[in-house]
Amino acid sequence: MRGEFLDVGGVRLYYYAAGERGAGEPVVLLHGFPTSSHLWGDVVPLLPAGHRVVVLDQLGFGRSDRPNGQPVTVLGHAERVITLMDTLLIERACIVGHDMGGAVAQMLAVRWPTRVSHLGLVDSAAFDEWPVRELKLARAMAPLTRHLPSEWLVTLLRRELARGYVEHERALRSVELYARPFATAEGRDTFVQHLNELDSADTVALASRLKNVVAPTAIVWGADDPFQPVGVAERLREAIPDATLHVCPSVRHFVPEEAPQCVADAISHLLTR
């Protein structure tokens, strides 16, 4: 496993690669808001051999650069994934996205169908079902939010993210890791930009086009997700032709962390379709 930075349109994105090239399609794993590639750490070793696995920190998250004026819309993230794939000489890949990363994955499957061999949506942002109420409130307060102490935002993040876990100790470790990049004034500005540009209007616009998705699709969901209830997963299954639904019992939103075997099994089965 190795990690490095790539220049993508004037900003640096961090990614790491795992697995080995083989006959199988590469797998690209996309995290959501406001997490990072750390989300997939326990899933990667469980994926089947023969696949190159690329795990990305999207712009404005983890080790990647802050946006610095670059768009952090769903489309903006999707365009950078395509550029990253081009740079890494990946023609087609199995794209798996969690939360907002799932919205990016949907965008890729709809707008660049020839680049998506398989599609995985894990507790994905979809339709008009996101962001959660508290983030919508923070967005409505954006003119004020940008002048509030960064500690206020970090406290909001810690409280909201912790609701997505069953395991208390894991929640403490991961929440601190995800919140840390936003704990400065510059981090606060990045957070506000995410709030302003990540918009459910993007997935609402995609909804009518999901019927055109040609990639074999697996939908994986936490049975007790407080942010994206299982009803959202069922809507996605109905919208995407021949999609399968795998519900992981006794977990909430952060399924890749708390049920990595469930996620890996679903991806492994998807790759055989």
Protein backbone atom coordinates (compact mmCIF):
# COMPACT_ATOMS: atom_id res chain seq x y z
CA MET A 1 0.00 0.00 0.00
CA ARG A 2 1.32 3.44 -0.86
CA GLY A 3 0.01 6.98 -0.63
CA GLU A 4 0.90 9.97 -2.75
CA PHE A 5 -0.37 13.29 -4.05
CA LEU A 6 -1.47 14.00 -7.60
CA ASP A 7 -1.93 17.41 -9.19
CA VAL A 8 -5.47 17.56 -10.57
CA GLY A 9 -6.39 20.85 -12.18
CA GLY A 10 -4.06 22.90 -10.00
CA VAL A 11 -4.92 21.26 -6.66
CA ARG A 12 -3.33 18.26 -4.96
CA LEU A 13 -5.42 15.20 -4.21
CA TYR A 14 -4.16 12.51 -1.88
CA TYR A 15 -4.85 8.89 -2.67
CA TYR A 16 -3.47 5.50 -1.81
CA ALA A 17 -3.44 2.35 -3.88
CA ALA A 18 -3.81 -1.20 -2.62
CA GLY A 19 -4.35 -4.64 -4.06
CA GLU A 20 -2.68 -5.94 -7.20
CA ARG A 21 -3.46 -5.47 -10.85
CA GLY A 22 -5.09 -8.51 -12.36
CA ALA A 23 -7.89 -9.50 -14.67
CA GLY A 24 -10.47 -7.63 -12.62
CA GLU A 25 -11.56 -4.03 -13.01
CA PRO A 26 -9.98 -1.47 -10.66
CA VAL A 27 -12.07 -0.34 -7.68
CA VAL A 28 -12.28 3.36 -6.73
CA LEU A 29 -13.60 4.12 -3.24
CA LEU A 30 -15.13 7.56 -2.55
CA HIS A 31 -15.85 8.84 0.96
CA GLY A 32 -18.57 11.32 1.87
CA PHE A 33 -19.03 14.50 3.89
CA PRO A 34 -17.14 15.31 6.05
CA THR A 35 -14.94 12.20 6.20
CA SER A 36 -11.84 10.94 4.37
CA SER A 37 -10.17 7.84 2.97
CA HIS A 38 -9.86 6.59 6.56
CA LEU A 39 -13.48 5.44 6.17
CA TRP A 40 -12.42 2.53 3.92
CA GLY A 41 -9.42 1.30 5.90
CA ASP A 42 -11.05 -1.91 7.12
CA VAL A 43 -12.82 -2.68 3.83
CA VAL A 44 -9.75 -2.58 1.56
CA PRO A 45 -8.01 -5.72 2.95
CA LEU A 46 -11.23 -7.70 2.53
CA LEU A 47 -11.69 -7.02 -1.18
CA PRO A 48 -10.96 -9.86 -3.62
CA ALA A 49 -7.50 -10.34 -5.13
CA GLY A 50 -6.79 -9.29 -8.69
CA HIS A 51 -8.18 -5.77 -8.40
CA ARG A 52 -6.29 -2.50 -8.10
CA VAL A 53 -7.96 -0.47 -5.34
CA VAL A 54 -7.71 3.34 -5.31
CA VAL A 55 -8.85 5.21 -2.21
CA LEU A 56 -9.17 8.97 -2.52
CA ASP A 57 -9.34 11.98 -0.22
CA GLN A 58 -11.71 14.25 -2.13
CA LEU A 59 -10.87 17.93 -2.42
CA GLY A 60 -11.27 19.76 0.89
CA PHE A 61 -11.09 16.58 3.00
CA GLY A 62 -8.39 14.52 4.68
CA ARG A 63 -4.91 15.15 3.31
CA SER A 64 -6.03 16.69 0.02
CA ASP A 65 -5.76 20.43 -0.56
CA ARG A 66 -8.35 22.89 0.56
CA PRO A 67 -10.58 24.00 -2.35
CA ASN A 68 -8.87 27.37 -2.94
CA GLY A 69 -11.71 28.47 -5.20
CA GLN A 70 -12.18 25.14 -6.94
CA PRO A 71 -15.78 23.83 -6.94
CA VAL A 72 -16.79 21.25 -4.36
CA THR A 73 -20.16 20.53 -5.92
CA VAL A 74 -21.13 16.94 -6.72
CA LEU A 75 -20.23 17.61 -10.36
CA GLY A 76 -16.94 19.25 -9.41
CA HIS A 77 -15.90 16.20 -7.38
CA ALA A 78 -17.00 13.87 -10.21
CA GLU A 79 -14.94 15.74 -12.79
CA ARG A 80 -11.85 15.44 -10.58
CA VAL A 81 -12.42 11.69 -10.21
CA ILE A 82 -12.42 11.38 -14.00
CA THR A 83 -9.19 13.41 -14.21
CA LEU A 84 -7.66 11.24 -11.47
CA MET A 85 -8.61 8.09 -13.38
CA ASP A 86 -7.10 9.54 -16.55
CA THR A 87 -3.87 10.36 -14.71
CA LEU A 88 -3.70 6.84 -13.25
CA LEU A 89 -4.48 5.31 -16.68
CA ILE A 90 -7.71 3.77 -15.42
CA GLU A 91 -10.13 3.46 -18.32
CA ARG A 92 -13.02 1.85 -16.42
CA ALA A 93 -13.54 1.12 -12.75
CA CYS A 94 -15.97 -0.13 -10.18
CA ILE A 95 -16.97 3.11 -8.42
CA VAL A 96 -18.15 2.76 -4.83
CA GLY A 97 -19.32 5.82 -2.89
CA HIS A 98 -20.50 6.42 0.66
CA ASP A 99 -22.72 9.34 1.68
CA MET A 100 -21.89 12.32 -0.56
CA GLY A 101 -19.40 10.07 -2.33
CA GLY A 102 -22.41 8.03 -3.41
CA ALA A 103 -23.89 11.13 -5.03
CA VAL A 104 -20.59 11.59 -6.89
CA ALA A 105 -20.72 7.92 -7.94
CA GLN A 106 -24.26 8.41 -9.30
CA MET A 107 -23.07 11.44 -11.26
CA LEU A 108 -20.24 9.41 -12.76
CA ALA A 109 -22.55 6.54 -13.74
CA VAL A 110 -25.02 8.91 -15.41
CA ARG A 111 -22.63 11.33 -17.15
CA TRP A 112 -19.66 9.06 -17.87
CA PRO A 113 -21.26 5.62 -18.20
CA THR A 114 -18.38 4.15 -20.22
CA ARG A 115 -15.99 4.84 -17.31
CA VAL A 116 -18.07 2.99 -14.69
CA SER A 117 -17.90 -0.81 -14.92
CA HIS A 118 -19.85 -1.37 -11.69
CA LEU A 119 -21.58 0.96 -9.24
CA GLY A 120 -21.72 0.63 -5.45
CA LEU A 121 -23.79 2.98 -3.29
CA VAL A 122 -23.24 2.73 0.47
CA ASP A 123 -25.63 4.76 2.65
CA SER A 124 -25.59 7.20 -0.22
CA ALA A 125 -26.83 10.75 -0.47
CA ALA A 126 -29.70 10.59 -2.95
CA PHE A 127 -32.81 12.37 -4.18
CA ASP A 128 -33.88 15.19 -1.84
CA GLU A 129 -33.03 13.23 1.31
CA TRP A 130 -29.84 15.10 2.26
CA PRO A 131 -28.13 16.89 3.92
CA VAL A 132 -29.39 16.27 7.44
CA ARG A 133 -31.51 18.91 9.13
CA GLU A 134 -28.69 20.29 11.26
CA LEU A 135 -26.49 20.92 8.23
CA LYS A 136 -29.36 22.55 6.39
CA LEU A 137 -29.73 24.86 9.37
CA ALA A 138 -26.00 25.63 9.34
CA ARG A 139 -26.25 26.40 5.60
CA ALA A 140 -29.16 28.77 6.18
CA MET A 141 -26.98 30.52 8.75
CA ALA A 142 -23.95 30.61 6.41
CA PRO A 143 -23.53 34.43 6.47
CA LEU A 144 -23.26 34.14 10.25
CA THR A 145 -21.53 30.75 10.33
CA ARG A 146 -18.47 32.02 8.46
CA HIS A 147 -17.82 34.47 11.32
CA LEU A 148 -18.35 32.02 14.18
CA PRO A 149 -15.42 30.39 15.98
CA SER A 150 -14.25 27.19 14.31
CA GLU A 151 -14.80 25.43 17.65
CA TRP A 152 -18.56 25.89 17.17
CA LEU A 153 -18.46 24.02 13.87
CA VAL A 154 -16.26 21.27 15.26
CA THR A 155 -18.65 20.78 18.16
CA LEU A 156 -21.56 20.52 15.72
CA LEU A 157 -19.64 18.00 13.61
CA ARG A 158 -18.64 15.85 16.56
CA ARG A 159 -22.21 15.67 17.84
CA GLU A 160 -23.76 14.88 14.48
CA LEU A 161 -21.16 12.38 13.31
CA ALA A 162 -21.30 10.44 16.58
CA ARG A 163 -24.98 9.68 15.92
CA GLY A 164 -23.89 7.67 12.89
CA TYR A 165 -22.02 5.06 14.95
CA VAL A 166 -23.05 2.20 17.20
CA GLU A 167 -19.58 1.67 18.70
CA HIS A 168 -18.73 4.47 21.11
CA GLU A 169 -14.95 4.01 21.10
CA ARG A 170 -14.76 3.87 17.32
CA ALA A 171 -16.92 6.98 17.11
CA LEU A 172 -14.56 8.90 19.38
CA ARG A 173 -11.50 8.02 17.29
CA SER A 174 -13.00 8.55 13.86
CA VAL A 175 -15.02 11.67 14.68
CA GLU A 176 -11.91 13.38 16.01
CA LEU A 177 -10.01 12.47 12.84
CA TYR A 178 -12.77 13.76 10.56
CA ALA A 179 -13.37 16.97 12.50
CA ARG A 180 -9.70 17.95 12.87
CA PRO A 181 -9.25 19.59 9.41
CA PHE A 182 -12.06 22.03 10.19
CA ALA A 183 -10.71 23.14 13.58
CA THR A 184 -9.00 26.30 12.28
CA ALA A 185 -10.26 29.51 10.72
CA GLU A 186 -9.19 28.22 7.29
CA GLY A 187 -10.93 24.93 8.04
CA ARG A 188 -14.09 26.81 8.99
CA ASP A 189 -14.05 28.58 5.62
CA THR A 190 -13.66 25.23 3.85
CA PHE A 191 -16.56 23.81 5.84
CA VAL A 192 -18.77 26.75 4.88
CA GLN A 193 -17.87 26.29 1.21
CA HIS A 194 -18.91 22.64 1.44
CA LEU A 195 -22.18 23.68 3.06
CA ASN A 196 -22.89 26.18 0.30
CA GLU A 197 -22.00 23.95 -2.66
CA LEU A 198 -23.09 20.45 -1.66
CA ASP A 199 -26.71 20.57 -2.70
CA SER A 200 -29.45 17.96 -2.97
CA ALA A 201 -30.57 19.73 -6.16
CA ASP A 202 -27.76 17.80 -7.87
CA THR A 203 -29.17 14.41 -6.89
CA VAL A 204 -32.74 15.53 -7.55
CA ALA A 205 -31.65 16.35 -11.10
CA LEU A 206 -30.03 12.91 -11.40
CA ALA A 207 -33.08 11.02 -10.15
CA SER A 208 -34.91 10.82 -13.46
CA ARG A 209 -31.73 9.60 -15.19
CA LEU A 210 -30.96 6.73 -12.82
CA LYS A 211 -33.13 4.49 -14.99
CA ASN A 212 -30.42 4.85 -17.66
CA VAL A 213 -27.62 3.49 -15.47
CA VAL A 214 -26.14 0.50 -17.29
CA ALA A 215 -23.49 -0.55 -14.76
CA PRO A 216 -24.38 -3.48 -12.50
CA THR A 217 -25.29 -1.82 -9.20
CA ALA A 218 -25.19 -2.86 -5.55
CA ILE A 219 -26.80 -0.77 -2.82
CA VAL A 220 -25.45 -1.38 0.71
CA TRP A 221 -27.10 0.15 3.76
CA GLY A 222 -26.97 0.26 7.53
CA ALA A 223 -30.24 -0.99 8.95
CA ASP A 224 -30.32 1.74 11.60
CA ASP A 225 -28.92 4.70 9.65
CA PRO A 226 -30.27 7.86 11.35
CA PHE A 227 -29.25 10.14 8.46
CA GLN A 228 -30.28 8.17 5.38
CA PRO A 229 -33.04 5.70 6.36
CA VAL A 230 -33.39 2.38 4.55
CA GLY A 231 -36.32 3.84 2.61
CA VAL A 232 -33.78 5.84 0.59
CA ALA A 233 -32.01 2.59 -0.32
CA GLU A 234 -35.30 1.09 -1.46
CA ARG A 235 -35.96 4.12 -3.66
CA LEU A 236 -32.55 3.72 -5.24
CA ARG A 237 -33.15 0.02 -5.87
CA GLU A 238 -36.40 0.86 -7.63
CA ALA A 239 -34.79 3.65 -9.66
CA ILE A 240 -31.72 1.77 -10.95
CA PRO A 241 -32.33 -1.23 -13.23
CA ASP A 242 -31.46 -4.60 -11.69
CA ALA A 243 -29.87 -3.04 -8.61
CA THR A 244 -29.43 -5.28 -5.58
CA LEU A 245 -29.92 -4.18 -1.97
CA HIS A 246 -27.82 -5.47 0.93
CA VAL A 247 -28.92 -4.29 4.40
CA CYS A 248 -26.27 -4.68 7.09
CA PRO A 249 -27.93 -5.38 10.46
CA SER A 250 -27.28 -3.50 13.69
CA VAL A 251 -25.22 -0.67 12.19
CA ARG A 252 -25.95 2.96 11.46
CA HIS A 253 -24.47 5.32 8.88
CA PHE A 254 -20.77 4.47 8.92
CA VAL A 255 -21.16 0.95 7.59
CA PRO A 256 -17.67 0.72 6.00
CA GLU A 257 -16.18 1.19 9.47
CA GLU A 258 -18.59 -0.83 11.59
CA ALA A 259 -19.50 -3.62 9.12
CA PRO A 260 -16.58 -3.81 6.69
CA GLN A 261 -17.18 -7.48 5.90
CA CYS A 262 -20.77 -6.74 4.89
CA VAL A 263 -19.56 -4.01 2.52
CA ALA A 264 -16.69 -6.09 1.15
CA ASP A 265 -18.96 -9.07 0.52
CA ALA A 266 -21.41 -6.90 -1.42
CA ILE A 267 -18.60 -5.40 -3.52
CA SER A 268 -17.10 -8.84 -4.13
CA HIS A 269 -20.43 -10.14 -5.37
CA LEU A 270 -20.94 -7.00 -7.48
CA LEU A 271 -17.61 -7.54 -9.23
CA THR A 272 -18.80 -10.95 -10.48
CA ARG A 273 -21.85 -9.50 -12.25
